[in-house]
Amino acid sequence: MSRFLGEIRQLGYVVPDIEAAMDHWSRVMGVGPFFYNPRVPIEGYHYGGEPFEVENSVALANSGFIQVELIQTRNDAPSMYRDFMRAGNMGLQHVAYWTEDFDTDLARMLELGFKVQMEGQVGANGRFAYFDREAHPGTVIELSEVKGPKGRMFEMIRQASIDWDGRDPVRPFPSLTETTP
């Protein structure tokens, strides 16, 4: 896929206990700090083309260039995360490619025969699409728009990981409404 969308930028792990997962990743793996949002504000969420209200907790941290995303579902709304857990899986659920040209990259994936299974938006210019193909657990592809506030937040999270000394392993999620460059 890298020849279509560039480099993988995020590994998304679906976990049953996000607090325990943040502790493991920061204490045992040395990855952090994690920026935690107990309920991510997702707008325009659709699964299989139908709208739903999802409640997900998310924590983000970087290990070098790669962002680690931990996700815990908090309600029973249909999602690929819920499907993954119901299939008896836990751990790596998706890889994400980041784009500043979401419409072009989405059209490219659709032309290749991929179908959007799950989509929505987190903040301005923060659209995402998960495609329906999964060859084995952990191979779902997400296309994530990273312009505007979401892109700046992701860069702030990466910067916080540089020379992180292990203190304050869990921090509040930054605001997505900030609009200054």
C-alpha atoms as a PDB file:
ATOM      1  CA  MET A   1       0.000   0.000   0.000  1.00  0.00           C
ATOM      2  CA  SER A   2       2.865   2.409   0.588  1.00  0.00           C
ATOM      3  CA  ARG A   3       3.207   2.955  -3.135  1.00  0.00           C
ATOM      4  CA  PHE A   4      -0.352   4.381  -3.135  1.00  0.00           C
ATOM      5  CA  LEU A   5      -0.567   6.359   0.086  1.00  0.00           C
ATOM      6  CA  GLY A   6       2.980   6.899   1.313  1.00  0.00           C
ATOM      7  CA  GLU A   7       4.309   5.676   4.641  1.00  0.00           C
ATOM      8  CA  ILE A   8       2.334   4.050   7.422  1.00  0.00           C
ATOM      9  CA  ARG A   9       2.099   6.730  10.112  1.00  0.00           C
ATOM     10  CA  GLN A  10      -0.050   5.110  12.799  1.00  0.00           C
ATOM     11  CA  LEU A  11      -0.645   1.704  14.364  1.00  0.00           C
ATOM     12  CA  GLY A  12      -4.128   1.395  15.889  1.00  0.00           C
ATOM     13  CA  TYR A  13      -4.616  -1.051  18.753  1.00  0.00           C
ATOM     14  CA  VAL A  14      -8.083  -1.983  20.012  1.00  0.00           C
ATOM     15  CA  VAL A  15      -7.906  -2.820  23.707  1.00  0.00           C
ATOM     16  CA  PRO A  16     -10.398  -3.893  26.393  1.00  0.00           C
ATOM     17  CA  ASP A  17      -8.859  -1.607  29.066  1.00  0.00           C
ATOM     18  CA  ILE A  18      -7.263   1.592  27.779  1.00  0.00           C
ATOM     19  CA  GLU A  19      -5.881   2.636  31.169  1.00  0.00           C
ATOM     20  CA  ALA A  20      -4.026  -0.691  31.510  1.00  0.00           C
ATOM     21  CA  ALA A  21      -2.834  -0.404  27.903  1.00  0.00           C
ATOM     22  CA  MET A  22      -1.444   3.125  28.470  1.00  0.00           C
ATOM     23  CA  ASP A  23       0.340   1.861  31.575  1.00  0.00           C
ATOM     24  CA  HIS A  24       1.865  -1.067  29.678  1.00  0.00           C
ATOM     25  CA  TRP A  25       2.956   0.993  26.676  1.00  0.00           C
ATOM     26  CA  SER A  26       4.482   3.764  28.784  1.00  0.00           C
ATOM     27  CA  ARG A  27       6.022   1.700  31.609  1.00  0.00           C
ATOM     28  CA  VAL A  28       7.030  -1.509  29.802  1.00  0.00           C
ATOM     29  CA  MET A  29       7.496  -0.344  26.212  1.00  0.00           C
ATOM     30  CA  GLY A  30       8.819   3.137  27.081  1.00  0.00           C
ATOM     31  CA  VAL A  31       6.409   4.851  24.663  1.00  0.00           C
ATOM     32  CA  GLY A  32       4.827   8.124  25.675  1.00  0.00           C
ATOM     33  CA  PRO A  33       3.561  10.419  26.823  1.00  0.00           C
ATOM     34  CA  PHE A  34       0.016   9.429  25.924  1.00  0.00           C
ATOM     35  CA  PHE A  35      -2.573  12.096  25.243  1.00  0.00           C
ATOM     36  CA  TYR A  36      -5.887  10.662  26.414  1.00  0.00           C
ATOM     37  CA  ASN A  37      -9.452  11.531  25.474  1.00  0.00           C
ATOM     38  CA  PRO A  38     -12.084   9.468  27.332  1.00  0.00           C
ATOM     39  CA  ARG A  39     -14.692  10.333  24.673  1.00  0.00           C
ATOM     40  CA  VAL A  40     -13.538  11.434  21.250  1.00  0.00           C
ATOM     41  CA  PRO A  41     -15.929  13.881  19.540  1.00  0.00           C
ATOM     42  CA  ILE A  42     -16.644  12.128  16.238  1.00  0.00           C
ATOM     43  CA  GLU A  43     -18.903  13.943  13.797  1.00  0.00           C
ATOM     44  CA  GLY A  44     -20.707  12.427  10.817  1.00  0.00           C
ATOM     45  CA  TYR A  45     -19.869   8.877  11.861  1.00  0.00           C
ATOM     46  CA  HIS A  46     -21.123   6.149   9.523  1.00  0.00           C
ATOM     47  CA  TYR A  47     -20.628   2.396   9.563  1.00  0.00           C
ATOM     48  CA  GLY A  48     -21.685   0.492   6.456  1.00  0.00           C
ATOM     49  CA  GLY A  49     -23.233   3.712   5.165  1.00  0.00           C
ATOM     50  CA  GLU A  50     -25.532   4.091   8.200  1.00  0.00           C
ATOM     51  CA  PRO A  51     -25.173   6.813  10.861  1.00  0.00           C
ATOM     52  CA  PHE A  52     -24.508   5.853  14.480  1.00  0.00           C
ATOM     53  CA  GLU A  53     -23.424   7.544  17.711  1.00  0.00           C
ATOM     54  CA  VAL A  54     -20.183   5.974  18.851  1.00  0.00           C
ATOM     55  CA  GLU A  55     -18.400   6.424  22.145  1.00  0.00           C
ATOM     56  CA  ASN A  56     -14.697   5.669  21.966  1.00  0.00           C
ATOM     57  CA  SER A  57     -11.813   6.428  24.274  1.00  0.00           C
ATOM     58  CA  VAL A  58      -8.519   7.134  22.501  1.00  0.00           C
ATOM     59  CA  ALA A  59      -4.930   7.634  23.640  1.00  0.00           C
ATOM     60  CA  LEU A  60      -2.159   8.780  21.287  1.00  0.00           C
ATOM     61  CA  ALA A  61       1.636   8.714  21.654  1.00  0.00           C
ATOM     62  CA  ASN A  62       4.565   8.500  19.289  1.00  0.00           C
ATOM     63  CA  SER A  63       7.514   6.171  19.054  1.00  0.00           C
ATOM     64  CA  GLY A  64       9.695   8.054  16.624  1.00  0.00           C
ATOM     65  CA  PHE A  65       7.873   8.621  13.361  1.00  0.00           C
ATOM     66  CA  ILE A  66       5.071   6.124  14.166  1.00  0.00           C
ATOM     67  CA  GLN A  67       2.052   7.112  16.224  1.00  0.00           C
ATOM     68  CA  VAL A  68       0.555   4.491  18.536  1.00  0.00           C
ATOM     69  CA  GLU A  69      -3.207   4.776  18.949  1.00  0.00           C
ATOM     70  CA  LEU A  70      -5.016   2.901  21.706  1.00  0.00           C
ATOM     71  CA  ILE A  71      -8.797   2.579  21.301  1.00  0.00           C
ATOM     72  CA  GLN A  72     -11.472   1.302  23.664  1.00  0.00           C
ATOM     73  CA  THR A  73     -15.110   1.208  22.600  1.00  0.00           C
ATOM     74  CA  ARG A  74     -17.487   2.471  25.286  1.00  0.00           C
ATOM     75  CA  ASN A  75     -20.853   1.586  23.745  1.00  0.00           C
ATOM     76  CA  ASP A  76     -22.250  -1.093  21.455  1.00  0.00           C
ATOM     77  CA  ALA A  77     -22.588   1.056  18.311  1.00  0.00           C
ATOM     78  CA  PRO A  78     -21.480  -0.776  15.182  1.00  0.00           C
ATOM     79  CA  SER A  79     -17.826  -0.208  14.360  1.00  0.00           C
ATOM     80  CA  MET A  80     -14.874  -2.062  12.938  1.00  0.00           C
ATOM     81  CA  TYR A  81     -13.351  -1.917  16.438  1.00  0.00           C
ATOM     82  CA  ARG A  82     -16.383  -3.711  17.897  1.00  0.00           C
ATOM     83  CA  ASP A  83     -16.302  -6.266  15.058  1.00  0.00           C
ATOM     84  CA  PHE A  84     -12.601  -6.889  15.721  1.00  0.00           C
ATOM     85  CA  MET A  85     -13.184  -7.574  19.422  1.00  0.00           C
ATOM     86  CA  ARG A  86     -16.276  -9.721  18.781  1.00  0.00           C
ATOM     87  CA  ALA A  87     -14.190 -11.866  16.426  1.00  0.00           C
ATOM     88  CA  GLY A  88     -11.987 -12.670  19.428  1.00  0.00           C
ATOM     89  CA  ASN A  89      -9.185 -10.317  18.440  1.00  0.00           C
ATOM     90  CA  MET A  90      -7.300  -7.802  20.531  1.00  0.00           C
ATOM     91  CA  GLY A  91      -4.316  -5.663  19.609  1.00  0.00           C
ATOM     92  CA  LEU A  92      -3.339  -4.238  16.242  1.00  0.00           C
ATOM     93  CA  GLN A  93      -6.552  -3.521  14.320  1.00  0.00           C
ATOM     94  CA  HIS A  94      -5.464  -1.006  11.664  1.00  0.00           C
ATOM     95  CA  VAL A  95      -2.645   0.907  10.068  1.00  0.00           C
ATOM     96  CA  ALA A  96      -3.204   4.514   9.088  1.00  0.00           C
ATOM     97  CA  TYR A  97      -1.861   6.569   6.249  1.00  0.00           C
ATOM     98  CA  TRP A  98      -1.990  10.324   6.741  1.00  0.00           C
ATOM     99  CA  THR A  99      -2.939  12.729   3.985  1.00  0.00           C
ATOM    100  CA  GLU A 100      -3.361  16.414   3.374  1.00  0.00           C
ATOM    101  CA  ASP A 101      -5.223  15.626   0.130  1.00  0.00           C
ATOM    102  CA  PHE A 102      -8.010  13.428   1.463  1.00  0.00           C
ATOM    103  CA  ASP A 103     -10.336  13.660  -1.547  1.00  0.00           C
ATOM    104  CA  THR A 104      -7.642  12.637  -4.052  1.00  0.00           C
ATOM    105  CA  ASP A 105      -6.360   9.759  -1.930  1.00  0.00           C
ATOM    106  CA  LEU A 106      -9.877   8.531  -1.152  1.00  0.00           C
ATOM    107  CA  ALA A 107     -10.729   8.551  -4.877  1.00  0.00           C
ATOM    108  CA  ARG A 108      -7.532   6.588  -5.582  1.00  0.00           C
ATOM    109  CA  MET A 109      -8.478   3.890  -3.069  1.00  0.00           C
ATOM    110  CA  LEU A 110     -12.025   3.652  -4.423  1.00  0.00           C
ATOM    111  CA  GLU A 111     -10.644   3.285  -7.969  1.00  0.00           C
ATOM    112  CA  LEU A 112      -8.539   0.374  -6.694  1.00  0.00           C
ATOM    113  CA  GLY A 113     -11.711  -1.377  -5.544  1.00  0.00           C
ATOM    114  CA  PHE A 114     -11.609  -0.554  -1.849  1.00  0.00           C
ATOM    115  CA  LYS A 115     -14.904   0.281  -0.161  1.00  0.00           C
ATOM    116  CA  VAL A 116     -15.368   2.551   2.835  1.00  0.00           C
ATOM    117  CA  GLN A 117     -16.730   0.588   5.792  1.00  0.00           C
ATOM    118  CA  MET A 118     -16.388   3.204   8.557  1.00  0.00           C
ATOM    119  CA  GLU A 119     -15.960   6.975   8.330  1.00  0.00           C
ATOM    120  CA  GLY A 120     -16.363  10.244  10.164  1.00  0.00           C
ATOM    121  CA  GLN A 121     -14.543  13.384  11.181  1.00  0.00           C
ATOM    122  CA  VAL A 122     -12.609  14.502  14.258  1.00  0.00           C
ATOM    123  CA  GLY A 123     -12.208  18.280  14.247  1.00  0.00           C
ATOM    124  CA  ALA A 124     -11.924  20.556  11.212  1.00  0.00           C
ATOM    125  CA  ASN A 125     -10.060  18.874   8.337  1.00  0.00           C
ATOM    126  CA  GLY A 126      -9.957  15.650  10.304  1.00  0.00           C
ATOM    127  CA  ARG A 127     -11.873  13.221   8.111  1.00  0.00           C
ATOM    128  CA  PHE A 128     -11.111   9.516   8.279  1.00  0.00           C
ATOM    129  CA  ALA A 129     -12.109   6.439   6.301  1.00  0.00           C
ATOM    130  CA  TYR A 130     -11.526   2.781   7.131  1.00  0.00           C
ATOM    131  CA  PHE A 131     -11.656   0.391   4.197  1.00  0.00           C
ATOM    132  CA  ASP A 132     -13.432  -2.960   4.268  1.00  0.00           C
ATOM    133  CA  ARG A 133     -10.569  -5.259   3.246  1.00  0.00           C
ATOM    134  CA  GLU A 134      -8.771  -7.226   5.944  1.00  0.00           C
ATOM    135  CA  ALA A 135      -6.563 -10.141   4.938  1.00  0.00           C
ATOM    136  CA  HIS A 136      -5.851 -11.034   8.578  1.00  0.00           C
ATOM    137  CA  PRO A 137      -6.352  -9.290  11.932  1.00  0.00           C
ATOM    138  CA  GLY A 138      -4.603  -5.944  12.065  1.00  0.00           C
ATOM    139  CA  THR A 139      -4.573  -5.184   8.339  1.00  0.00           C
ATOM    140  CA  VAL A 140      -7.456  -2.720   8.044  1.00  0.00           C
ATOM    141  CA  ILE A 141      -6.342   0.455   6.258  1.00  0.00           C
ATOM    142  CA  GLU A 142      -7.340   3.862   7.550  1.00  0.00           C
ATOM    143  CA  LEU A 143      -6.955   7.039   5.520  1.00  0.00           C
ATOM    144  CA  SER A 144      -6.660   9.965   7.935  1.00  0.00           C
ATOM    145  CA  GLU A 145      -6.778  13.625   6.982  1.00  0.00           C
ATOM    146  CA  VAL A 146      -4.178  15.649   8.877  1.00  0.00           C
ATOM    147  CA  LYS A 147      -4.706  19.238   7.849  1.00  0.00           C
ATOM    148  CA  GLY A 148      -5.554  21.992  10.281  1.00  0.00           C
ATOM    149  CA  PRO A 149      -5.971  21.380  14.020  1.00  0.00           C
ATOM    150  CA  LYS A 150      -5.689  17.579  13.825  1.00  0.00           C
ATOM    151  CA  GLY A 151      -2.394  17.755  11.928  1.00  0.00           C
ATOM    152  CA  ARG A 152      -1.007  20.298  14.401  1.00  0.00           C
ATOM    153  CA  MET A 153      -2.140  18.125  17.309  1.00  0.00           C
ATOM    154  CA  PHE A 154      -0.406  15.080  15.816  1.00  0.00           C
ATOM    155  CA  GLU A 155       2.817  17.086  15.424  1.00  0.00           C
ATOM    156  CA  MET A 156       2.584  18.327  19.037  1.00  0.00           C
ATOM    157  CA  ILE A 157       2.183  14.703  20.206  1.00  0.00           C
ATOM    158  CA  ARG A 158       5.250  13.662  18.187  1.00  0.00           C
ATOM    159  CA  GLN A 159       7.280  16.539  19.600  1.00  0.00           C
ATOM    160  CA  ALA A 160       6.263  15.600  23.166  1.00  0.00           C
ATOM    161  CA  SER A 161       7.692  12.103  22.623  1.00  0.00           C
ATOM    162  CA  ILE A 162      11.154  13.393  21.716  1.00  0.00           C
ATOM    163  CA  ASP A 163      13.396  12.975  24.757  1.00  0.00           C
ATOM    164  CA  TRP A 164      10.373  12.048  26.921  1.00  0.00           C
ATOM    165  CA  ASP A 165      11.743  11.207  30.387  1.00  0.00           C
ATOM    166  CA  GLY A 166       8.859   9.001  31.581  1.00  0.00           C
ATOM    167  CA  ARG A 167       7.192  11.656  33.714  1.00  0.00           C
ATOM    168  CA  ASP A 168       3.494  12.424  33.294  1.00  0.00           C
ATOM    169  CA  PRO A 169       2.833   9.374  31.110  1.00  0.00           C
ATOM    170  CA  VAL A 170      -0.853  10.260  30.615  1.00  0.00           C
ATOM    171  CA  ARG A 171      -1.855  13.802  29.691  1.00  0.00           C
ATOM    172  CA  PRO A 172      -5.109  15.463  28.630  1.00  0.00           C
ATOM    173  CA  PHE A 173      -5.999  15.388  24.947  1.00  0.00           C
ATOM    174  CA  PRO A 174      -5.217  18.702  23.222  1.00  0.00           C
ATOM    175  CA  SER A 175      -8.041  20.862  21.889  1.00  0.00           C
ATOM    176  CA  LEU A 176      -9.093  20.299  18.294  1.00  0.00           C
ATOM    177  CA  THR A 177     -10.793  23.670  18.111  1.00  0.00           C
ATOM    178  CA  GLU A 178      -7.499  25.585  18.126  1.00  0.00           C
ATOM    179  CA  THR A 179      -7.070  27.209  14.704  1.00  0.00           C
ATOM    180  CA  THR A 180      -3.788  29.094  14.848  1.00  0.00           C
ATOM    181  CA  PRO A 181      -0.866  27.670  12.840  1.00  0.00           C
END
